[in-house]
C-alpha cells in the first residue's frame, strides 16, 4: 500500500492520495483555512476601536449641543431679575458677555441695559455679526445681542463706530443733526437693507440720564427682520447705539405696545 503525500501550503495543507487499484483518479483533500492572518485581526481591531471612539465623540457632541440649545431656548423670565414694571425683566450684560465688552470697546463698567417681556429668548449672534474679528477697533457696525419673543417680535442692539457717521470727536447725538437727518445715515442699519423715504412713520426725541435718544417708527416691507420697527438711537463716547425692535405686519398689532416699552427702557 502506497502512503499518501502531504504538502503544506501556508495556513492549510494538500494531501495527495496515490491511485488505488479500484480507482484511476487522484483525490486531493484541501482543508478550509479558518485562521485569518494576524495583520487582518489587528486592522479589524483598530477599525472597531476607531468606530467606538467616533461614536463616543459624536455622543458627547450631541449632548453638548443639546445642553447649549436648552440654555439658548430658556425664556429670560426664568433667570433675569424683575424690571419693576409689569412682568418685564431687566437685562444687563456682564463685562465678558460680548467681544466688544470683553475688549472694552463698549463700556463694560457701566454697560447698556433694557427691559424684556419674560417670554423672550436670547439668540446666538453669528461671529461675523458680533465684530469678534475686528475688536477692539471695528470700522463697521456690529450686533451686540439679539432676543426674540416666543410669539414673535425681535430686539437687536447694533453698535456703530462714530467715525461712520462723523469725523468730529466727543459729540452727542444732537451734533449729528435732527432725528430725520440722522435717519438718512442710519436707516439702512435699522432695516438691514436700504431706507425708502416713505418708510418713516414718525420720529421724535427724549432725554434720559443726560443722553438724548432719537426715536424712529418705520414701516418698511423690505426690511430683513420685520416690516414694522421702533428704534432708539443715541451716542455714548465714540459709539452710536441703535436699539431696534421689529415685528412682521401680522405681529405688530399685537406686540406693538410691548415692543415700544422695550425700546423706551433702553439705556446706553
C-alpha atoms as a PDB file:
ATOM      1  CA  UNK A   1       0.000   0.000   0.000  1.00  0.00           C
ATOM      2  CA  UNK A   2       1.442   3.313  -1.025  1.00  0.00           C
ATOM      3  CA  UNK A   3       1.495   6.169   1.503  1.00  0.00           C
ATOM      4  CA  UNK A   4      -0.188   9.489   0.801  1.00  0.00           C
ATOM      5  CA  UNK A   5       1.894  12.585   0.307  1.00  0.00           C
ATOM      6  CA  UNK A   6       1.178  15.703   2.438  1.00  0.00           C
ATOM      7  CA  UNK A   7       2.169  19.142   1.106  1.00  0.00           C
ATOM      8  CA  UNK A   8       1.948  22.160   3.436  1.00  0.00           C
ATOM      9  CA  UNK A   9       0.515  25.313   1.815  1.00  0.00           C
ATOM     10  CA  UNK A  10       0.563  28.422   4.010  1.00  0.00           C
ATOM     11  CA  UNK A  11      -2.267  28.088   6.517  1.00  0.00           C
ATOM     12  CA  UNK A  12      -3.558  24.786   5.068  1.00  0.00           C
ATOM     13  CA  UNK A  13      -2.298  21.599   3.531  1.00  0.00           C
ATOM     14  CA  UNK A  14      -2.770  19.494   0.445  1.00  0.00           C
ATOM     15  CA  UNK A  15      -2.863  15.728   0.760  1.00  0.00           C
ATOM     16  CA  UNK A  16      -2.470  13.650  -2.407  1.00  0.00           C
ATOM     17  CA  UNK A  17      -3.700  10.102  -2.364  1.00  0.00           C
ATOM     18  CA  UNK A  18      -1.961   7.602  -4.655  1.00  0.00           C
ATOM     19  CA  UNK A  19      -4.123   5.806  -7.184  1.00  0.00           C
ATOM     20  CA  UNK A  20      -5.671   2.624  -5.913  1.00  0.00           C
ATOM     21  CA  UNK A  21      -6.405  -0.460  -7.800  1.00  0.00           C
ATOM     22  CA  UNK A  22     -10.101   0.392  -7.887  1.00  0.00           C
ATOM     23  CA  UNK A  23      -9.803   3.998  -8.929  1.00  0.00           C
ATOM     24  CA  UNK A  24      -7.948   5.694 -11.685  1.00  0.00           C
ATOM     25  CA  UNK A  25      -8.350   9.239 -10.296  1.00  0.00           C
ATOM     26  CA  UNK A  26      -6.299  11.054  -7.683  1.00  0.00           C
ATOM     27  CA  UNK A  27      -8.235  12.556  -4.802  1.00  0.00           C
ATOM     28  CA  UNK A  28      -6.998  15.838  -3.347  1.00  0.00           C
ATOM     29  CA  UNK A  29      -8.185  16.875   0.107  1.00  0.00           C
ATOM     30  CA  UNK A  30      -7.741  20.599   0.765  1.00  0.00           C
ATOM     31  CA  UNK A  31      -8.940  21.701   4.186  1.00  0.00           C
ATOM     32  CA  UNK A  32     -10.508  25.175   4.502  1.00  0.00           C
ATOM     33  CA  UNK A  33      -8.241  27.707   6.182  1.00  0.00           C
ATOM     34  CA  UNK A  34     -10.129  29.226   9.130  1.00  0.00           C
ATOM     35  CA  UNK A  35      -7.284  31.240  10.608  1.00  0.00           C
ATOM     36  CA  UNK A  36      -7.053  34.823   9.236  1.00  0.00           C
ATOM     37  CA  UNK A  37      -3.624  36.438   9.074  1.00  0.00           C
ATOM     38  CA  UNK A  38      -2.581  38.344  12.204  1.00  0.00           C
ATOM     39  CA  UNK A  39      -2.486  41.652  10.394  1.00  0.00           C
ATOM     40  CA  UNK A  40      -6.131  41.222   9.420  1.00  0.00           C
ATOM     41  CA  UNK A  41      -7.128  40.898  13.077  1.00  0.00           C
ATOM     42  CA  UNK A  42      -5.069  43.934  14.009  1.00  0.00           C
ATOM     43  CA  UNK A  43      -6.733  46.009  11.277  1.00  0.00           C
ATOM     44  CA  UNK A  44     -10.215  44.853  12.324  1.00  0.00           C
ATOM     45  CA  UNK A  45      -9.488  45.607  15.979  1.00  0.00           C
ATOM     46  CA  UNK A  46      -8.165  49.060  15.104  1.00  0.00           C
ATOM     47  CA  UNK A  47     -11.239  49.746  12.958  1.00  0.00           C
ATOM     48  CA  UNK A  48     -13.585  48.723  15.767  1.00  0.00           C
ATOM     49  CA  UNK A  49     -11.760  50.905  18.263  1.00  0.00           C
ATOM     50  CA  UNK A  50     -11.942  53.846  15.837  1.00  0.00           C
ATOM     51  CA  UNK A  51     -15.676  53.314  15.352  1.00  0.00           C
ATOM     52  CA  UNK A  52     -16.290  53.147  19.113  1.00  0.00           C
ATOM     53  CA  UNK A  53     -14.254  56.288  19.692  1.00  0.00           C
ATOM     54  CA  UNK A  54     -16.050  58.125  16.877  1.00  0.00           C
ATOM     55  CA  UNK A  55     -19.427  57.083  18.284  1.00  0.00           C
ATOM     56  CA  UNK A  56     -18.435  58.316  21.724  1.00  0.00           C
ATOM     57  CA  UNK A  57     -17.269  61.673  20.342  1.00  0.00           C
ATOM     58  CA  UNK A  58     -20.490  62.068  18.359  1.00  0.00           C
ATOM     59  CA  UNK A  59     -22.460  61.257  21.508  1.00  0.00           C
ATOM     60  CA  UNK A  60     -20.574  63.866  23.532  1.00  0.00           C
ATOM     61  CA  UNK A  61     -21.034  66.454  20.755  1.00  0.00           C
ATOM     62  CA  UNK A  62     -24.771  65.812  20.587  1.00  0.00           C
ATOM     63  CA  UNK A  63     -25.054  66.072  24.357  1.00  0.00           C
ATOM     64  CA  UNK A  64     -23.122  69.359  24.394  1.00  0.00           C
ATOM     65  CA  UNK A  65     -25.255  70.724  21.544  1.00  0.00           C
ATOM     66  CA  UNK A  66     -28.406  69.647  23.357  1.00  0.00           C
ATOM     67  CA  UNK A  67     -27.321  71.447  26.523  1.00  0.00           C
ATOM     68  CA  UNK A  68     -26.379  74.551  24.536  1.00  0.00           C
ATOM     69  CA  UNK A  69     -29.741  74.566  22.754  1.00  0.00           C
ATOM     70  CA  UNK A  70     -31.558  74.044  26.031  1.00  0.00           C
ATOM     71  CA  UNK A  71     -29.765  77.055  27.542  1.00  0.00           C
ATOM     72  CA  UNK A  72     -30.345  79.145  24.414  1.00  0.00           C
ATOM     73  CA  UNK A  73     -34.062  78.290  24.425  1.00  0.00           C
ATOM     74  CA  UNK A  74     -34.623  79.357  28.045  1.00  0.00           C
ATOM     75  CA  UNK A  75     -37.042  82.248  28.431  1.00  0.00           C
ATOM     76  CA  UNK A  76     -35.486  85.301  30.066  1.00  0.00           C
ATOM     77  CA  UNK A  77     -38.215  85.369  32.705  1.00  0.00           C
ATOM     78  CA  UNK A  78     -36.699  82.239  34.234  1.00  0.00           C
ATOM     79  CA  UNK A  79     -33.318  83.782  35.041  1.00  0.00           C
ATOM     80  CA  UNK A  80     -33.287  87.601  34.720  1.00  0.00           C
ATOM     81  CA  UNK A  81     -34.268  89.889  37.635  1.00  0.00           C
ATOM     82  CA  UNK A  82     -37.548  91.771  37.688  1.00  0.00           C
ATOM     83  CA  UNK A  83     -37.574  95.153  35.983  1.00  0.00           C
ATOM     84  CA  UNK A  84     -40.135  96.592  38.375  1.00  0.00           C
ATOM     85  CA  UNK A  85     -42.793  97.356  35.795  1.00  0.00           C
ATOM     86  CA  UNK A  86     -45.473  94.872  34.813  1.00  0.00           C
ATOM     87  CA  UNK A  87     -43.887  91.428  34.428  1.00  0.00           C
ATOM     88  CA  UNK A  88     -40.849  92.631  32.466  1.00  0.00           C
ATOM     89  CA  UNK A  89     -37.330  91.579  33.415  1.00  0.00           C
ATOM     90  CA  UNK A  90     -34.077  93.543  33.243  1.00  0.00           C
ATOM     91  CA  UNK A  91     -31.131  92.618  31.015  1.00  0.00           C
ATOM     92  CA  UNK A  92     -27.683  93.983  31.916  1.00  0.00           C
ATOM     93  CA  UNK A  93     -24.759  92.227  30.176  1.00  0.00           C
ATOM     94  CA  UNK A  94     -21.734  91.048  32.118  1.00  0.00           C
ATOM     95  CA  UNK A  95     -18.324  92.567  31.368  1.00  0.00           C
ATOM     96  CA  UNK A  96     -17.407  89.470  29.324  1.00  0.00           C
ATOM     97  CA  UNK A  97     -20.749  88.980  27.563  1.00  0.00           C
ATOM     98  CA  UNK A  98     -19.720  90.079  24.046  1.00  0.00           C
ATOM     99  CA  UNK A  99     -16.472  90.636  22.105  1.00  0.00           C
ATOM    100  CA  UNK A 100     -16.927  94.425  22.364  1.00  0.00           C
ATOM    101  CA  UNK A 101     -17.487  94.289  26.125  1.00  0.00           C
ATOM    102  CA  UNK A 102     -14.504  91.966  26.627  1.00  0.00           C
ATOM    103  CA  UNK A 103     -12.316  94.310  24.575  1.00  0.00           C
ATOM    104  CA  UNK A 104     -13.581  97.377  26.422  1.00  0.00           C
ATOM    105  CA  UNK A 105     -14.851  98.922  23.182  1.00  0.00           C
ATOM    106  CA  UNK A 106     -18.282  99.125  24.802  1.00  0.00           C
ATOM    107  CA  UNK A 107     -18.097 100.456  28.361  1.00  0.00           C
ATOM    108  CA  UNK A 108     -18.078  97.297  30.496  1.00  0.00           C
ATOM    109  CA  UNK A 109     -18.135  99.198  33.796  1.00  0.00           C
ATOM    110  CA  UNK A 110     -21.482 100.806  33.016  1.00  0.00           C
ATOM    111  CA  UNK A 111     -22.943  98.812  30.111  1.00  0.00           C
ATOM    112  CA  UNK A 112     -26.225  99.218  28.273  1.00  0.00           C
ATOM    113  CA  UNK A 113     -29.426  97.799  29.737  1.00  0.00           C
ATOM    114  CA  UNK A 114     -33.058  97.296  28.782  1.00  0.00           C
ATOM    115  CA  UNK A 115     -36.244  95.528  29.828  1.00  0.00           C
ATOM    116  CA  UNK A 116     -37.767  92.493  28.137  1.00  0.00           C
ATOM    117  CA  UNK A 117     -41.051  90.587  28.294  1.00  0.00           C
ATOM    118  CA  UNK A 118     -40.466  87.323  30.227  1.00  0.00           C
ATOM    119  CA  UNK A 119     -41.177  85.077  27.228  1.00  0.00           C
ATOM    120  CA  UNK A 120     -38.288  86.413  25.127  1.00  0.00           C
ATOM    121  CA  UNK A 121     -35.328  84.145  24.376  1.00  0.00           C
ATOM    122  CA  UNK A 122     -31.745  85.177  23.692  1.00  0.00           C
ATOM    123  CA  UNK A 123     -30.457  84.238  20.239  1.00  0.00           C
ATOM    124  CA  UNK A 124     -26.919  83.455  19.153  1.00  0.00           C
ATOM    125  CA  UNK A 125     -25.165  86.255  17.268  1.00  0.00           C
ATOM    126  CA  UNK A 126     -23.174  84.997  14.280  1.00  0.00           C
ATOM    127  CA  UNK A 127     -19.442  85.532  14.585  1.00  0.00           C
ATOM    128  CA  UNK A 128     -19.324  87.781  11.523  1.00  0.00           C
ATOM    129  CA  UNK A 129     -22.104  89.968  13.014  1.00  0.00           C
ATOM    130  CA  UNK A 130     -20.618  90.145  16.507  1.00  0.00           C
ATOM    131  CA  UNK A 131     -17.481  92.072  15.497  1.00  0.00           C
ATOM    132  CA  UNK A 132     -15.357  89.362  17.096  1.00  0.00           C
ATOM    133  CA  UNK A 133     -12.916  89.512  14.190  1.00  0.00           C
ATOM    134  CA  UNK A 134     -12.277  93.270  14.431  1.00  0.00           C
ATOM    135  CA  UNK A 135     -12.290  94.193  18.115  1.00  0.00           C
ATOM    136  CA  UNK A 136     -11.174  96.388  19.732  1.00  0.00           C
ATOM    137  CA  UNK A 137     -11.449  98.729  16.746  1.00  0.00           C
ATOM    138  CA  UNK A 138     -14.070  97.955  14.118  1.00  0.00           C
ATOM    139  CA  UNK A 139     -14.736 100.056  11.044  1.00  0.00           C
ATOM    140  CA  UNK A 140     -18.244  98.690  10.520  1.00  0.00           C
ATOM    141  CA  UNK A 141     -21.292  98.312  12.797  1.00  0.00           C
ATOM    142  CA  UNK A 142     -21.762  95.064  14.706  1.00  0.00           C
ATOM    143  CA  UNK A 143     -24.561  93.386  16.668  1.00  0.00           C
ATOM    144  CA  UNK A 144     -24.214  93.054  20.436  1.00  0.00           C
ATOM    145  CA  UNK A 145     -27.253  90.965  21.395  1.00  0.00           C
ATOM    146  CA  UNK A 146     -30.472  89.617  19.891  1.00  0.00           C
ATOM    147  CA  UNK A 147     -33.659  88.485  21.646  1.00  0.00           C
ATOM    148  CA  UNK A 148     -36.808  87.079  20.095  1.00  0.00           C
ATOM    149  CA  UNK A 149     -40.270  86.572  21.540  1.00  0.00           C
ATOM    150  CA  UNK A 150     -41.892  83.173  21.806  1.00  0.00           C
ATOM    151  CA  UNK A 151     -44.894  84.596  19.933  1.00  0.00           C
ATOM    152  CA  UNK A 152     -42.947  86.874  17.607  1.00  0.00           C
ATOM    153  CA  UNK A 153     -41.071  90.128  17.794  1.00  0.00           C
ATOM    154  CA  UNK A 154     -37.346  90.735  17.881  1.00  0.00           C
ATOM    155  CA  UNK A 155     -34.988  93.189  19.574  1.00  0.00           C
ATOM    156  CA  UNK A 156     -31.418  93.785  18.479  1.00  0.00           C
ATOM    157  CA  UNK A 157     -28.702  96.144  19.663  1.00  0.00           C
ATOM    158  CA  UNK A 158     -26.491  97.461  16.854  1.00  0.00           C
ATOM    159  CA  UNK A 159     -23.378  99.472  17.677  1.00  0.00           C
ATOM    160  CA  UNK A 160     -21.573 101.624  15.145  1.00  0.00           C
ATOM    161  CA  UNK A 161     -18.197 103.385  15.376  1.00  0.00           C
ATOM    162  CA  UNK A 162     -18.934 107.084  15.386  1.00  0.00           C
ATOM    163  CA  UNK A 163     -16.447 107.588  12.561  1.00  0.00           C
ATOM    164  CA  UNK A 164     -19.019 106.015  10.239  1.00  0.00           C
ATOM    165  CA  UNK A 165     -21.281 108.990  10.924  1.00  0.00           C
ATOM    166  CA  UNK A 166     -18.964 111.939  11.545  1.00  0.00           C
ATOM    167  CA  UNK A 167     -15.321 112.938  11.632  1.00  0.00           C
ATOM    168  CA  UNK A 168     -15.882 115.010  14.785  1.00  0.00           C
ATOM    169  CA  UNK A 169     -14.798 113.856  18.243  1.00  0.00           C
ATOM    170  CA  UNK A 170     -16.653 113.992  21.559  1.00  0.00           C
ATOM    171  CA  UNK A 171     -20.052 114.638  20.025  1.00  0.00           C
ATOM    172  CA  UNK A 172     -23.596 113.991  21.177  1.00  0.00           C
ATOM    173  CA  UNK A 173     -26.407 112.638  19.056  1.00  0.00           C
ATOM    174  CA  UNK A 174     -27.751 116.197  18.669  1.00  0.00           C
ATOM    175  CA  UNK A 175     -24.468 117.159  16.944  1.00  0.00           C
ATOM    176  CA  UNK A 176     -25.253 114.656  14.178  1.00  0.00           C
ATOM    177  CA  UNK A 177     -28.326 116.570  13.072  1.00  0.00           C
ATOM    178  CA  UNK A 178     -32.064 116.375  13.629  1.00  0.00           C
ATOM    179  CA  UNK A 179     -33.712 112.968  14.028  1.00  0.00           C
ATOM    180  CA  UNK A 180     -34.733 112.969  10.361  1.00  0.00           C
ATOM    181  CA  UNK A 181     -31.261 113.987   9.196  1.00  0.00           C
ATOM    182  CA  UNK A 182     -29.574 111.251  11.198  1.00  0.00           C
ATOM    183  CA  UNK A 183     -32.055 108.647   9.967  1.00  0.00           C
ATOM    184  CA  UNK A 184     -30.741 109.141   6.436  1.00  0.00           C
ATOM    185  CA  UNK A 185     -27.374 107.785   7.628  1.00  0.00           C
ATOM    186  CA  UNK A 186     -28.516 105.000   9.974  1.00  0.00           C
ATOM    187  CA  UNK A 187     -31.730 103.862   8.279  1.00  0.00           C
ATOM    188  CA  UNK A 188     -30.041 101.031   6.378  1.00  0.00           C
ATOM    189  CA  UNK A 189     -28.694  99.625   9.674  1.00  0.00           C
ATOM    190  CA  UNK A 190     -32.240  99.506  11.027  1.00  0.00           C
ATOM    191  CA  UNK A 191     -33.784  97.785   8.004  1.00  0.00           C
ATOM    192  CA  UNK A 192     -30.770  95.635   7.161  1.00  0.00           C
ATOM    193  CA  UNK A 193     -31.105  96.648   3.505  1.00  0.00           C
ATOM    194  CA  UNK A 194     -31.887 100.233   2.485  1.00  0.00           C
ATOM    195  CA  UNK A 195     -34.191 103.014   3.608  1.00  0.00           C
ATOM    196  CA  UNK A 196     -37.043 104.259   1.479  1.00  0.00           C
ATOM    197  CA  UNK A 197     -38.017 107.865   2.212  1.00  0.00           C
ATOM    198  CA  UNK A 198     -41.639 106.771   2.611  1.00  0.00           C
ATOM    199  CA  UNK A 199     -40.753 104.236   5.338  1.00  0.00           C
ATOM    200  CA  UNK A 200     -40.678 106.765   8.184  1.00  0.00           C
ATOM    201  CA  UNK A 201     -43.951 106.790  10.124  1.00  0.00           C
ATOM    202  CA  UNK A 202     -42.872 109.057  12.990  1.00  0.00           C
ATOM    203  CA  UNK A 203     -39.762 110.416  14.721  1.00  0.00           C
ATOM    204  CA  UNK A 204     -39.124 112.293  17.951  1.00  0.00           C
ATOM    205  CA  UNK A 205     -36.586 112.605  20.739  1.00  0.00           C
ATOM    206  CA  UNK A 206     -36.341 112.413  24.523  1.00  0.00           C
ATOM    207  CA  UNK A 207     -33.624 112.971  27.121  1.00  0.00           C
ATOM    208  CA  UNK A 208     -32.852 110.450  29.840  1.00  0.00           C
ATOM    209  CA  UNK A 209     -29.939 110.335  32.306  1.00  0.00           C
ATOM    210  CA  UNK A 210     -28.067 113.047  30.411  1.00  0.00           C
ATOM    211  CA  UNK A 211     -28.323 111.383  26.983  1.00  0.00           C
ATOM    212  CA  UNK A 212     -30.668 112.317  24.157  1.00  0.00           C
ATOM    213  CA  UNK A 213     -32.365 109.454  22.327  1.00  0.00           C
ATOM    214  CA  UNK A 214     -33.831 109.792  18.836  1.00  0.00           C
ATOM    215  CA  UNK A 215     -36.865 107.536  18.351  1.00  0.00           C
ATOM    216  CA  UNK A 216     -37.990 106.218  14.974  1.00  0.00           C
ATOM    217  CA  UNK A 217     -41.032 104.236  13.873  1.00  0.00           C
ATOM    218  CA  UNK A 218     -40.627 102.684  10.427  1.00  0.00           C
ATOM    219  CA  UNK A 219     -42.878 100.696   8.144  1.00  0.00           C
ATOM    220  CA  UNK A 220     -40.534  99.095   5.616  1.00  0.00           C
ATOM    221  CA  UNK A 221     -41.898  95.905   3.986  1.00  0.00           C
ATOM    222  CA  UNK A 222     -38.456  95.137   2.537  1.00  0.00           C
ATOM    223  CA  UNK A 223     -36.717  95.134   5.960  1.00  0.00           C
ATOM    224  CA  UNK A 224     -34.920  91.906   6.840  1.00  0.00           C
ATOM    225  CA  UNK A 225     -36.264  91.457  10.365  1.00  0.00           C
ATOM    226  CA  UNK A 226     -39.843  92.702  10.070  1.00  0.00           C
ATOM    227  CA  UNK A 227     -41.754  95.393   8.258  1.00  0.00           C
ATOM    228  CA  UNK A 228     -42.549  97.399  11.396  1.00  0.00           C
ATOM    229  CA  UNK A 229     -39.805  98.664  13.680  1.00  0.00           C
ATOM    230  CA  UNK A 230     -39.334 101.016  16.580  1.00  0.00           C
ATOM    231  CA  UNK A 231     -35.777 102.236  17.258  1.00  0.00           C
ATOM    232  CA  UNK A 232     -33.887 104.253  19.845  1.00  0.00           C
ATOM    233  CA  UNK A 233     -30.642 105.879  18.697  1.00  0.00           C
ATOM    234  CA  UNK A 234     -28.090 107.677  20.857  1.00  0.00           C
ATOM    235  CA  UNK A 235     -24.369 108.405  21.144  1.00  0.00           C
ATOM    236  CA  UNK A 236     -22.152 107.442  24.075  1.00  0.00           C
ATOM    237  CA  UNK A 237     -18.400 108.018  23.907  1.00  0.00           C
ATOM    238  CA  UNK A 238     -17.236 107.307  20.370  1.00  0.00           C
ATOM    239  CA  UNK A 239     -20.054 104.886  19.607  1.00  0.00           C
ATOM    240  CA  UNK A 240     -23.569 105.198  18.212  1.00  0.00           C
ATOM    241  CA  UNK A 241     -26.171 102.797  19.660  1.00  0.00           C
ATOM    242  CA  UNK A 242     -29.196 101.629  17.689  1.00  0.00           C
ATOM    243  CA  UNK A 243     -31.671  99.571  19.696  1.00  0.00           C
ATOM    244  CA  UNK A 244     -34.180  98.107  17.239  1.00  0.00           C
ATOM    245  CA  UNK A 245     -37.440  96.296  17.981  1.00  0.00           C
ATOM    246  CA  UNK A 246     -39.202  94.799  14.972  1.00  0.00           C
ATOM    247  CA  UNK A 247     -42.098  92.561  14.019  1.00  0.00           C
ATOM    248  CA  UNK A 248     -43.925  91.332  10.965  1.00  0.00           C
ATOM    249  CA  UNK A 249     -47.073  93.015   9.701  1.00  0.00           C
ATOM    250  CA  UNK A 250     -49.228  90.364  11.378  1.00  0.00           C
ATOM    251  CA  UNK A 251     -47.367  90.505  14.722  1.00  0.00           C
ATOM    252  CA  UNK A 252     -47.168  94.290  15.032  1.00  0.00           C
ATOM    253  CA  UNK A 253     -50.797  94.908  16.009  1.00  0.00           C
ATOM    254  CA  UNK A 254     -50.483  92.509  18.935  1.00  0.00           C
ATOM    255  CA  UNK A 255     -46.903  93.246  20.014  1.00  0.00           C
ATOM    256  CA  UNK A 256     -46.564  96.982  19.349  1.00  0.00           C
ATOM    257  CA  UNK A 257     -47.287  98.018  22.943  1.00  0.00           C
ATOM    258  CA  UNK A 258     -44.666  95.731  24.491  1.00  0.00           C
ATOM    259  CA  UNK A 259     -42.052  96.479  21.827  1.00  0.00           C
ATOM    260  CA  UNK A 260     -42.412 100.208  22.407  1.00  0.00           C
ATOM    261  CA  UNK A 261     -41.917  99.685  26.152  1.00  0.00           C
ATOM    262  CA  UNK A 262     -38.792  97.612  25.470  1.00  0.00           C
ATOM    263  CA  UNK A 263     -37.254 100.324  23.305  1.00  0.00           C
ATOM    264  CA  UNK A 264     -38.153 103.123  25.689  1.00  0.00           C
ATOM    265  CA  UNK A 265     -36.485 101.201  28.547  1.00  0.00           C
ATOM    266  CA  UNK A 266     -33.134 101.180  26.703  1.00  0.00           C
ATOM    267  CA  UNK A 267     -30.237 102.975  28.375  1.00  0.00           C
ATOM    268  CA  UNK A 268     -26.855 103.172  26.677  1.00  0.00           C
END
